[in-house]
């Protein structure tokens, strides 16, 4: 959030600092200040201008709320919501369809919801999973 501010006090001889709690796909604004005491008054003086640092993308969490509708013997419509933590820009979704009896799996890459799965064979059981991807990686599948 833009209103989150972390302040770290370091010794006057410190010339570097490492922040380890970085979140993916986040912009951090950094600035160095000096705390001075002049004539008994505490002053905070900026020593640098603000520097924006961008953390890289990483794999997203799983898509949410996978739903099935408009089901008949040969097709089903899948809808889902984007991951709660996309951790970047979602580039695509991979739908995995498994025919339960044979175990045969197929994958298809799509770019948004909804998706209509065609060419199903009547009276066969299928499972479907959806996972999202960013430039930083591929996230986990939805639950069955």
Protein backbone atom coordinates (compact mmCIF):
# COMPACT_ATOMS: atom_id res chain seq x y z
CA UNK A 1 0.00 0.00 0.00
CA UNK A 2 1.17 3.51 -0.73
CA UNK A 3 0.73 4.61 2.89
CA UNK A 4 3.02 1.90 4.33
CA UNK A 5 6.24 3.47 5.57
CA UNK A 6 9.07 1.55 7.21
CA UNK A 7 11.82 3.52 8.91
CA UNK A 8 15.15 1.95 9.79
CA UNK A 9 17.70 3.65 12.01
CA UNK A 10 21.30 2.71 11.30
CA UNK A 11 24.68 3.73 12.67
CA UNK A 12 26.35 6.78 11.10
CA UNK A 13 29.08 4.56 9.63
CA UNK A 14 26.63 2.30 7.78
CA UNK A 15 26.99 2.59 4.01
CA UNK A 16 24.53 -0.08 2.84
CA UNK A 17 21.26 -1.63 3.92
CA UNK A 18 19.44 -4.79 2.84
CA UNK A 19 15.67 -5.04 3.15
CA UNK A 20 14.59 -8.70 3.18
CA UNK A 21 10.78 -8.52 3.30
CA UNK A 22 10.26 -7.60 -0.36
CA UNK A 23 6.94 -8.53 -1.97
CA UNK A 24 6.83 -9.48 -5.67
CA UNK A 25 5.75 -6.96 -8.30
CA UNK A 26 5.85 -4.05 -5.87
CA UNK A 27 7.36 -0.59 -6.10
CA UNK A 28 9.42 0.59 -3.16
CA UNK A 29 10.40 4.23 -2.72
CA UNK A 30 13.62 4.70 -0.75
CA UNK A 31 15.31 7.78 0.61
CA UNK A 32 18.17 8.45 3.03
CA UNK A 33 17.82 11.00 5.82
CA UNK A 34 20.18 12.25 8.51
CA UNK A 35 18.97 12.97 12.02
CA UNK A 36 20.88 16.01 13.26
CA UNK A 37 20.92 17.93 16.51
CA UNK A 38 21.56 21.63 15.91
CA UNK A 39 21.31 24.14 18.75
CA UNK A 40 19.47 21.52 20.80
CA UNK A 41 16.84 20.92 18.12
CA UNK A 42 16.34 17.58 16.35
CA UNK A 43 16.28 17.99 12.58
CA UNK A 44 15.66 15.40 9.88
CA UNK A 45 17.46 16.28 6.65
CA UNK A 46 17.09 14.45 3.32
CA UNK A 47 20.47 13.34 1.97
CA UNK A 48 19.13 11.79 -1.26
CA UNK A 49 16.18 12.20 -3.53
CA UNK A 50 13.58 9.43 -3.60
CA UNK A 51 14.63 6.35 -5.56
CA UNK A 52 11.94 3.96 -6.80
CA UNK A 53 12.90 0.28 -6.90
CA UNK A 54 10.65 -2.31 -8.55
CA UNK A 55 10.66 -5.92 -7.39
CA UNK A 56 10.29 -8.56 -10.12
CA UNK A 57 7.21 -10.61 -10.92
CA UNK A 58 6.84 -14.07 -9.42
CA UNK A 59 4.41 -16.97 -9.79
CA UNK A 60 0.80 -16.14 -8.95
CA UNK A 61 -1.41 -17.94 -6.48
CA UNK A 62 -4.12 -20.22 -7.86
CA UNK A 63 -7.14 -18.83 -9.73
CA UNK A 64 -10.23 -18.58 -7.53
CA UNK A 65 -13.83 -19.75 -7.71
CA UNK A 66 -13.63 -22.27 -10.56
CA UNK A 67 -17.21 -22.87 -11.73
CA UNK A 68 -18.82 -25.12 -14.34
CA UNK A 69 -21.96 -24.19 -16.26
CA UNK A 70 -23.83 -24.83 -19.54
CA UNK A 71 -22.92 -28.50 -19.24
CA UNK A 72 -24.16 -31.05 -21.77
CA UNK A 73 -22.80 -34.33 -23.21
CA UNK A 74 -20.13 -32.67 -25.36
CA UNK A 75 -19.18 -29.39 -23.72
CA UNK A 76 -18.85 -27.41 -20.49
CA UNK A 77 -18.17 -23.74 -19.77
CA UNK A 78 -15.48 -23.01 -17.19
CA UNK A 79 -15.31 -19.66 -15.42
CA UNK A 80 -12.91 -18.47 -12.72
CA UNK A 81 -11.65 -15.36 -11.03
CA UNK A 82 -8.03 -14.16 -11.17
CA UNK A 83 -5.64 -15.17 -8.38
CA UNK A 84 -5.90 -13.30 -5.10
CA UNK A 85 -2.17 -12.53 -5.40
CA UNK A 86 -1.30 -12.24 -9.09
CA UNK A 87 2.29 -11.23 -8.22
CA UNK A 88 2.60 -9.67 -11.66
CA UNK A 89 0.64 -9.36 -14.88
CA UNK A 90 -1.21 -12.56 -15.74
CA UNK A 91 -0.01 -13.63 -19.20
CA UNK A 92 -2.17 -16.74 -19.60
CA UNK A 93 -4.07 -19.56 -17.95
CA UNK A 94 -3.50 -23.27 -18.53
CA UNK A 95 -6.51 -25.56 -18.36
CA UNK A 96 -5.79 -29.21 -17.67
CA UNK A 97 -8.52 -31.71 -18.53
CA UNK A 98 -8.21 -35.31 -17.35
CA UNK A 99 -10.50 -38.09 -18.53
CA UNK A 100 -10.83 -40.00 -15.25
CA UNK A 101 -11.16 -43.58 -16.54
CA UNK A 102 -8.18 -43.51 -18.92
CA UNK A 103 -6.11 -40.89 -17.09
CA UNK A 104 -5.49 -39.12 -20.40
CA UNK A 105 -4.69 -35.46 -19.81
CA UNK A 106 -4.73 -32.54 -22.21
CA UNK A 107 -3.67 -28.95 -21.62
CA UNK A 108 -4.79 -25.81 -23.35
CA UNK A 109 -3.52 -22.27 -22.94
CA UNK A 110 -6.14 -19.51 -22.80
CA UNK A 111 -6.00 -15.84 -21.99
CA UNK A 112 -9.17 -15.18 -20.01
CA UNK A 113 -12.34 -16.56 -18.47
CA UNK A 114 -14.82 -17.94 -19.52
CA UNK A 115 -13.59 -20.90 -21.54
CA UNK A 116 -15.83 -23.37 -23.39
CA UNK A 117 -14.44 -26.92 -23.45
CA UNK A 118 -15.80 -28.67 -26.52
CA UNK A 119 -15.49 -32.24 -27.84
CA UNK A 120 -16.19 -34.04 -24.59
CA UNK A 121 -17.40 -37.63 -24.88
CA UNK A 122 -20.78 -38.33 -23.28
CA UNK A 123 -21.01 -40.49 -20.15
CA UNK A 124 -17.34 -39.98 -19.25
CA UNK A 125 -16.08 -38.29 -16.10
CA UNK A 126 -13.58 -35.45 -16.42
CA UNK A 127 -11.64 -33.32 -13.96
CA UNK A 128 -10.50 -29.80 -14.75
CA UNK A 129 -7.83 -27.61 -13.18
CA UNK A 130 -6.75 -24.08 -14.03
CA UNK A 131 -3.43 -22.39 -13.27
CA UNK A 132 -2.22 -18.88 -14.00
CA UNK A 133 1.17 -17.65 -15.23
CA UNK A 134 3.14 -14.41 -15.16
CA UNK A 135 6.58 -13.61 -16.56
CA UNK A 136 7.85 -14.66 -13.12
CA UNK A 137 6.48 -18.19 -13.16
CA UNK A 138 3.53 -20.56 -13.24
CA UNK A 139 1.29 -20.80 -10.19
CA UNK A 140 -0.44 -23.80 -8.61
CA UNK A 141 -3.59 -25.46 -9.97
CA UNK A 142 -7.05 -24.80 -8.67
CA UNK A 143 -8.50 -27.55 -6.53
CA UNK A 144 -10.76 -30.16 -8.22
